[in-house]
């Protein structure tokens, strides 16, 4: 089990104190405590913890709304705490993009595995998002390169292989990626065409 930085939020001071003690005895570092959802969201933005543990029922903004904002901003995984386990609360929790749900009173044997799973799942989600962004960028770059090759073929009457070779040469000569060179070339050719 790793040692994590954690923000905790509960409107009950005693519950926060007990949770903080439980976490710190296990080697975690509580980097912030909040008594309402707005304060929790602001603390998570400021501290960027490994995890936020939020009670659902809090003033100003409940834990579900705070969890949505934290998830939307990609700040940290959220683990919800609640004294209520009814279906409506569970359904709302599912829609708030949380990574776990623990019923009060909090027990170590339930909390610590939930923390590990939440952080692990959040890391996997982040890796997947980064892979998707990388693939989207790669596709976009290939489209730019293909557009540049098509324009070279059309306006300079060269084959696709010749166009590709020309882009590679210019790329190496200028020390830029083929996508950058292709983008500049497309703009240049289109500007000449529009004059």
C-alpha atoms as a PDB file:
ATOM      1  CA  UNK A   1       0.000   0.000   0.000  1.00  0.00           C
ATOM      2  CA  UNK A   2       1.367   3.420  -0.958  1.00  0.00           C
ATOM      3  CA  UNK A   3       1.446   6.593   1.123  1.00  0.00           C
ATOM      4  CA  UNK A   4      -0.734   9.258  -0.459  1.00  0.00           C
ATOM      5  CA  UNK A   5      -1.555  12.936  -0.061  1.00  0.00           C
ATOM      6  CA  UNK A   6      -5.240  13.320   0.711  1.00  0.00           C
ATOM      7  CA  UNK A   7      -7.787  16.111   1.127  1.00  0.00           C
ATOM      8  CA  UNK A   8     -10.719  15.227   3.362  1.00  0.00           C
ATOM      9  CA  UNK A   9     -14.077  16.983   3.576  1.00  0.00           C
ATOM     10  CA  UNK A  10     -16.863  16.420   6.073  1.00  0.00           C
ATOM     11  CA  UNK A  11     -19.086  18.962   7.792  1.00  0.00           C
ATOM     12  CA  UNK A  12     -18.648  17.092  11.085  1.00  0.00           C
ATOM     13  CA  UNK A  13     -15.366  18.090  12.765  1.00  0.00           C
ATOM     14  CA  UNK A  14     -15.228  14.878  14.808  1.00  0.00           C
ATOM     15  CA  UNK A  15     -15.634  12.729  11.679  1.00  0.00           C
ATOM     16  CA  UNK A  16     -12.803  14.667   9.974  1.00  0.00           C
ATOM     17  CA  UNK A  17     -10.579  14.250  13.018  1.00  0.00           C
ATOM     18  CA  UNK A  18     -11.200  10.489  13.192  1.00  0.00           C
ATOM     19  CA  UNK A  19     -10.627  10.061   9.456  1.00  0.00           C
ATOM     20  CA  UNK A  20      -7.434  12.152   9.561  1.00  0.00           C
ATOM     21  CA  UNK A  21      -6.087  10.073  12.441  1.00  0.00           C
ATOM     22  CA  UNK A  22      -6.926   6.806  10.658  1.00  0.00           C
ATOM     23  CA  UNK A  23      -5.228   7.964   7.451  1.00  0.00           C
ATOM     24  CA  UNK A  24      -2.109   9.342   9.133  1.00  0.00           C
ATOM     25  CA  UNK A  25      -1.651   6.227  11.265  1.00  0.00           C
ATOM     26  CA  UNK A  26      -1.557   4.289   7.985  1.00  0.00           C
ATOM     27  CA  UNK A  27       1.195   6.585   6.636  1.00  0.00           C
ATOM     28  CA  UNK A  28      -0.900   8.910   4.467  1.00  0.00           C
ATOM     29  CA  UNK A  29      -0.578  12.698   4.633  1.00  0.00           C
ATOM     30  CA  UNK A  30      -3.742  14.764   5.017  1.00  0.00           C
ATOM     31  CA  UNK A  31      -2.834  17.984   3.174  1.00  0.00           C
ATOM     32  CA  UNK A  32      -6.155  19.732   3.668  1.00  0.00           C
ATOM     33  CA  UNK A  33      -9.465  19.559   5.505  1.00  0.00           C
ATOM     34  CA  UNK A  34     -12.761  21.136   4.510  1.00  0.00           C
ATOM     35  CA  UNK A  35     -16.173  21.428   6.121  1.00  0.00           C
ATOM     36  CA  UNK A  36     -18.141  22.079   2.927  1.00  0.00           C
ATOM     37  CA  UNK A  37     -18.042  21.225  -0.767  1.00  0.00           C
ATOM     38  CA  UNK A  38     -16.870  24.635  -1.991  1.00  0.00           C
ATOM     39  CA  UNK A  39     -13.931  24.624   0.406  1.00  0.00           C
ATOM     40  CA  UNK A  40     -13.140  21.021  -0.591  1.00  0.00           C
ATOM     41  CA  UNK A  41     -13.055  21.895  -4.303  1.00  0.00           C
ATOM     42  CA  UNK A  42     -10.822  24.919  -3.642  1.00  0.00           C
ATOM     43  CA  UNK A  43      -8.465  22.859  -1.453  1.00  0.00           C
ATOM     44  CA  UNK A  44      -8.166  20.143  -4.094  1.00  0.00           C
ATOM     45  CA  UNK A  45      -7.377  22.801  -6.735  1.00  0.00           C
ATOM     46  CA  UNK A  46      -4.712  24.296  -4.473  1.00  0.00           C
ATOM     47  CA  UNK A  47      -3.114  21.130  -3.056  1.00  0.00           C
ATOM     48  CA  UNK A  48      -3.531  18.717  -6.014  1.00  0.00           C
ATOM     49  CA  UNK A  49      -3.651  15.658  -3.750  1.00  0.00           C
ATOM     50  CA  UNK A  50      -3.447  12.030  -4.800  1.00  0.00           C
ATOM     51  CA  UNK A  51      -7.032  11.587  -3.550  1.00  0.00           C
ATOM     52  CA  UNK A  52     -10.001  13.549  -2.203  1.00  0.00           C
ATOM     53  CA  UNK A  53     -12.302  11.892   0.319  1.00  0.00           C
ATOM     54  CA  UNK A  54     -15.615  13.751   0.474  1.00  0.00           C
ATOM     55  CA  UNK A  55     -18.705  13.286   2.581  1.00  0.00           C
ATOM     56  CA  UNK A  56     -21.835  13.476   0.445  1.00  0.00           C
ATOM     57  CA  UNK A  57     -23.964  15.605   2.782  1.00  0.00           C
ATOM     58  CA  UNK A  58     -22.226  18.967   3.260  1.00  0.00           C
ATOM     59  CA  UNK A  59     -23.356  22.612   3.261  1.00  0.00           C
ATOM     60  CA  UNK A  60     -22.858  25.133   0.411  1.00  0.00           C
ATOM     61  CA  UNK A  61     -22.119  22.370  -2.097  1.00  0.00           C
ATOM     62  CA  UNK A  62     -22.579  18.667  -1.462  1.00  0.00           C
ATOM     63  CA  UNK A  63     -19.865  16.091  -2.051  1.00  0.00           C
ATOM     64  CA  UNK A  64     -21.468  14.915  -5.295  1.00  0.00           C
ATOM     65  CA  UNK A  65     -21.330  18.389  -6.861  1.00  0.00           C
ATOM     66  CA  UNK A  66     -17.781  18.935  -5.597  1.00  0.00           C
ATOM     67  CA  UNK A  67     -16.784  15.534  -7.017  1.00  0.00           C
ATOM     68  CA  UNK A  68     -18.160  16.512 -10.440  1.00  0.00           C
ATOM     69  CA  UNK A  69     -16.129  19.740 -10.438  1.00  0.00           C
ATOM     70  CA  UNK A  70     -12.984  17.961  -9.270  1.00  0.00           C
ATOM     71  CA  UNK A  71     -13.429  15.278 -11.951  1.00  0.00           C
ATOM     72  CA  UNK A  72     -14.252  17.844 -14.655  1.00  0.00           C
ATOM     73  CA  UNK A  73     -11.028  19.707 -13.885  1.00  0.00           C
ATOM     74  CA  UNK A  74      -9.083  16.408 -13.741  1.00  0.00           C
ATOM     75  CA  UNK A  75      -7.672  17.298 -10.332  1.00  0.00           C
ATOM     76  CA  UNK A  76      -7.823  14.042  -8.353  1.00  0.00           C
ATOM     77  CA  UNK A  77      -9.827  10.872  -7.902  1.00  0.00           C
ATOM     78  CA  UNK A  78     -12.686  11.203  -5.425  1.00  0.00           C
ATOM     79  CA  UNK A  79     -13.836   8.685  -2.850  1.00  0.00           C
ATOM     80  CA  UNK A  80     -17.260   9.434  -1.351  1.00  0.00           C
ATOM     81  CA  UNK A  81     -18.287   8.856   2.237  1.00  0.00           C
ATOM     82  CA  UNK A  82     -21.901   8.595   3.279  1.00  0.00           C
ATOM     83  CA  UNK A  83     -24.114   7.380   6.055  1.00  0.00           C
ATOM     84  CA  UNK A  84     -26.728   6.610   3.413  1.00  0.00           C
ATOM     85  CA  UNK A  85     -26.643   3.644   1.059  1.00  0.00           C
ATOM     86  CA  UNK A  86     -29.952   4.019  -0.742  1.00  0.00           C
ATOM     87  CA  UNK A  87     -30.285   3.534  -4.498  1.00  0.00           C
ATOM     88  CA  UNK A  88     -30.862   7.211  -5.278  1.00  0.00           C
ATOM     89  CA  UNK A  89     -27.590   8.231  -3.608  1.00  0.00           C
ATOM     90  CA  UNK A  90     -25.729   5.393  -5.327  1.00  0.00           C
ATOM     91  CA  UNK A  91     -27.163   6.433  -8.713  1.00  0.00           C
ATOM     92  CA  UNK A  92     -26.114  10.050  -8.129  1.00  0.00           C
ATOM     93  CA  UNK A  93     -22.651   8.861  -7.085  1.00  0.00           C
ATOM     94  CA  UNK A  94     -22.309   6.855 -10.309  1.00  0.00           C
ATOM     95  CA  UNK A  95     -23.096   9.989 -12.320  1.00  0.00           C
ATOM     96  CA  UNK A  96     -20.616  12.174 -10.437  1.00  0.00           C
ATOM     97  CA  UNK A  97     -17.517  10.386 -11.789  1.00  0.00           C
ATOM     98  CA  UNK A  98     -16.254   9.184  -8.409  1.00  0.00           C
ATOM     99  CA  UNK A  99     -13.827   6.321  -7.999  1.00  0.00           C
ATOM    100  CA  UNK A 100     -15.338   4.764  -4.893  1.00  0.00           C
ATOM    101  CA  UNK A 101     -17.988   4.868  -2.246  1.00  0.00           C
ATOM    102  CA  UNK A 102     -17.625   4.014   1.461  1.00  0.00           C
ATOM    103  CA  UNK A 103     -20.481   3.731   3.962  1.00  0.00           C
ATOM    104  CA  UNK A 104     -20.052   5.325   7.407  1.00  0.00           C
ATOM    105  CA  UNK A 105     -18.949   4.484  10.015  1.00  0.00           C
ATOM    106  CA  UNK A 106     -15.657   4.176   8.163  1.00  0.00           C
ATOM    107  CA  UNK A 107     -13.696   1.001   8.807  1.00  0.00           C
ATOM    108  CA  UNK A 108     -10.023   0.619   7.887  1.00  0.00           C
ATOM    109  CA  UNK A 109     -10.591  -2.766   6.240  1.00  0.00           C
ATOM    110  CA  UNK A 110     -13.043  -1.106   3.822  1.00  0.00           C
ATOM    111  CA  UNK A 111     -11.411   2.321   3.444  1.00  0.00           C
ATOM    112  CA  UNK A 112      -7.836   1.335   2.599  1.00  0.00           C
ATOM    113  CA  UNK A 113      -8.684  -1.071  -0.235  1.00  0.00           C
ATOM    114  CA  UNK A 114     -11.109   1.562  -1.581  1.00  0.00           C
ATOM    115  CA  UNK A 115      -8.282   4.137  -1.556  1.00  0.00           C
ATOM    116  CA  UNK A 116      -5.937   1.812  -3.448  1.00  0.00           C
ATOM    117  CA  UNK A 117      -8.591   0.959  -6.034  1.00  0.00           C
ATOM    118  CA  UNK A 118      -9.611   4.610  -6.512  1.00  0.00           C
ATOM    119  CA  UNK A 119      -6.043   5.760  -7.096  1.00  0.00           C
ATOM    120  CA  UNK A 120      -5.239   2.799  -9.346  1.00  0.00           C
ATOM    121  CA  UNK A 121      -8.365   3.301 -11.467  1.00  0.00           C
ATOM    122  CA  UNK A 122      -7.696   7.037 -11.726  1.00  0.00           C
ATOM    123  CA  UNK A 123      -4.147   6.372 -12.966  1.00  0.00           C
ATOM    124  CA  UNK A 124      -5.478   3.929 -15.562  1.00  0.00           C
ATOM    125  CA  UNK A 125      -8.072   6.469 -16.692  1.00  0.00           C
ATOM    126  CA  UNK A 126      -5.397   9.174 -17.033  1.00  0.00           C
ATOM    127  CA  UNK A 127      -3.163   6.830 -19.036  1.00  0.00           C
ATOM    128  CA  UNK A 128      -6.067   5.982 -21.330  1.00  0.00           C
ATOM    129  CA  UNK A 129      -6.938   9.662 -21.823  1.00  0.00           C
ATOM    130  CA  UNK A 130      -3.297  10.410 -22.661  1.00  0.00           C
ATOM    131  CA  UNK A 131      -3.183   7.516 -25.148  1.00  0.00           C
ATOM    132  CA  UNK A 132      -6.345   8.770 -26.847  1.00  0.00           C
ATOM    133  CA  UNK A 133      -4.916  12.309 -27.056  1.00  0.00           C
ATOM    134  CA  UNK A 134      -1.686  10.919 -28.494  1.00  0.00           C
ATOM    135  CA  UNK A 135      -3.568   8.885 -31.104  1.00  0.00           C
ATOM    136  CA  UNK A 136      -5.738  11.887 -32.021  1.00  0.00           C
ATOM    137  CA  UNK A 137      -2.600  13.997 -32.487  1.00  0.00           C
ATOM    138  CA  UNK A 138      -1.017  11.270 -34.611  1.00  0.00           C
ATOM    139  CA  UNK A 139      -4.128  11.035 -36.817  1.00  0.00           C
ATOM    140  CA  UNK A 140      -4.237  14.821 -37.164  1.00  0.00           C
ATOM    141  CA  UNK A 141      -0.557  14.908 -38.158  1.00  0.00           C
ATOM    142  CA  UNK A 142      -1.057  12.148 -40.736  1.00  0.00           C
ATOM    143  CA  UNK A 143      -3.983  14.073 -42.215  1.00  0.00           C
ATOM    144  CA  UNK A 144      -1.855  17.220 -42.522  1.00  0.00           C
ATOM    145  CA  UNK A 145       0.985  15.243 -44.134  1.00  0.00           C
ATOM    146  CA  UNK A 146      -1.428  13.563 -46.567  1.00  0.00           C
ATOM    147  CA  UNK A 147      -2.968  16.931 -47.448  1.00  0.00           C
ATOM    148  CA  UNK A 148       0.475  18.395 -48.125  1.00  0.00           C
ATOM    149  CA  UNK A 149       1.404  15.396 -50.298  1.00  0.00           C
ATOM    150  CA  UNK A 150      -1.862  15.737 -52.232  1.00  0.00           C
ATOM    151  CA  UNK A 151      -1.204  19.432 -52.886  1.00  0.00           C
ATOM    152  CA  UNK A 152       2.382  18.739 -53.981  1.00  0.00           C
ATOM    153  CA  UNK A 153       1.119  16.020 -56.326  1.00  0.00           C
ATOM    154  CA  UNK A 154      -1.556  18.305 -57.773  1.00  0.00           C
ATOM    155  CA  UNK A 155       0.421  21.517 -58.197  1.00  0.00           C
ATOM    156  CA  UNK A 156       3.900  20.136 -58.889  1.00  0.00           C
ATOM    157  CA  UNK A 157       2.871  16.975 -60.771  1.00  0.00           C
ATOM    158  CA  UNK A 158       4.932  14.589 -58.629  1.00  0.00           C
ATOM    159  CA  UNK A 159       4.158  11.074 -57.396  1.00  0.00           C
ATOM    160  CA  UNK A 160       3.133  10.383 -53.809  1.00  0.00           C
ATOM    161  CA  UNK A 161       6.572   8.875 -53.074  1.00  0.00           C
ATOM    162  CA  UNK A 162       8.298  11.961 -54.495  1.00  0.00           C
ATOM    163  CA  UNK A 163       6.058  14.258 -52.450  1.00  0.00           C
ATOM    164  CA  UNK A 164       6.799  12.232 -49.304  1.00  0.00           C
ATOM    165  CA  UNK A 165      10.549  12.308 -49.979  1.00  0.00           C
ATOM    166  CA  UNK A 166      10.421  16.072 -50.538  1.00  0.00           C
ATOM    167  CA  UNK A 167       8.598  16.595 -47.226  1.00  0.00           C
ATOM    168  CA  UNK A 168      11.193  14.432 -45.443  1.00  0.00           C
ATOM    169  CA  UNK A 169      14.079  16.427 -46.955  1.00  0.00           C
ATOM    170  CA  UNK A 170      12.578  19.779 -45.966  1.00  0.00           C
ATOM    171  CA  UNK A 171      11.770  18.410 -42.509  1.00  0.00           C
ATOM    172  CA  UNK A 172      15.371  17.313 -41.913  1.00  0.00           C
ATOM    173  CA  UNK A 173      16.827  20.496 -43.413  1.00  0.00           C
ATOM    174  CA  UNK A 174      14.704  22.768 -41.193  1.00  0.00           C
ATOM    175  CA  UNK A 175      14.859  20.544 -38.100  1.00  0.00           C
ATOM    176  CA  UNK A 176      11.077  20.386 -37.863  1.00  0.00           C
ATOM    177  CA  UNK A 177       8.626  17.510 -37.823  1.00  0.00           C
ATOM    178  CA  UNK A 178       6.995  16.412 -41.067  1.00  0.00           C
ATOM    179  CA  UNK A 179       3.651  17.589 -39.664  1.00  0.00           C
ATOM    180  CA  UNK A 180       5.026  21.095 -39.002  1.00  0.00           C
ATOM    181  CA  UNK A 181       6.588  21.285 -42.472  1.00  0.00           C
ATOM    182  CA  UNK A 182       3.385  19.944 -44.034  1.00  0.00           C
ATOM    183  CA  UNK A 183       1.262  22.501 -42.199  1.00  0.00           C
ATOM    184  CA  UNK A 184       3.503  25.363 -43.383  1.00  0.00           C
ATOM    185  CA  UNK A 185       3.498  23.978 -46.916  1.00  0.00           C
ATOM    186  CA  UNK A 186      -0.291  23.668 -47.035  1.00  0.00           C
ATOM    187  CA  UNK A 187      -0.652  27.311 -45.917  1.00  0.00           C
ATOM    188  CA  UNK A 188       1.979  28.446 -48.420  1.00  0.00           C
ATOM    189  CA  UNK A 189       0.422  26.592 -51.364  1.00  0.00           C
ATOM    190  CA  UNK A 190      -3.100  27.744 -50.493  1.00  0.00           C
ATOM    191  CA  UNK A 191      -1.918  31.361 -50.144  1.00  0.00           C
ATOM    192  CA  UNK A 192      -0.281  31.199 -53.599  1.00  0.00           C
ATOM    193  CA  UNK A 193      -3.419  29.629 -55.034  1.00  0.00           C
ATOM    194  CA  UNK A 194      -5.664  32.359 -53.586  1.00  0.00           C
ATOM    195  CA  UNK A 195      -3.554  35.221 -54.964  1.00  0.00           C
END
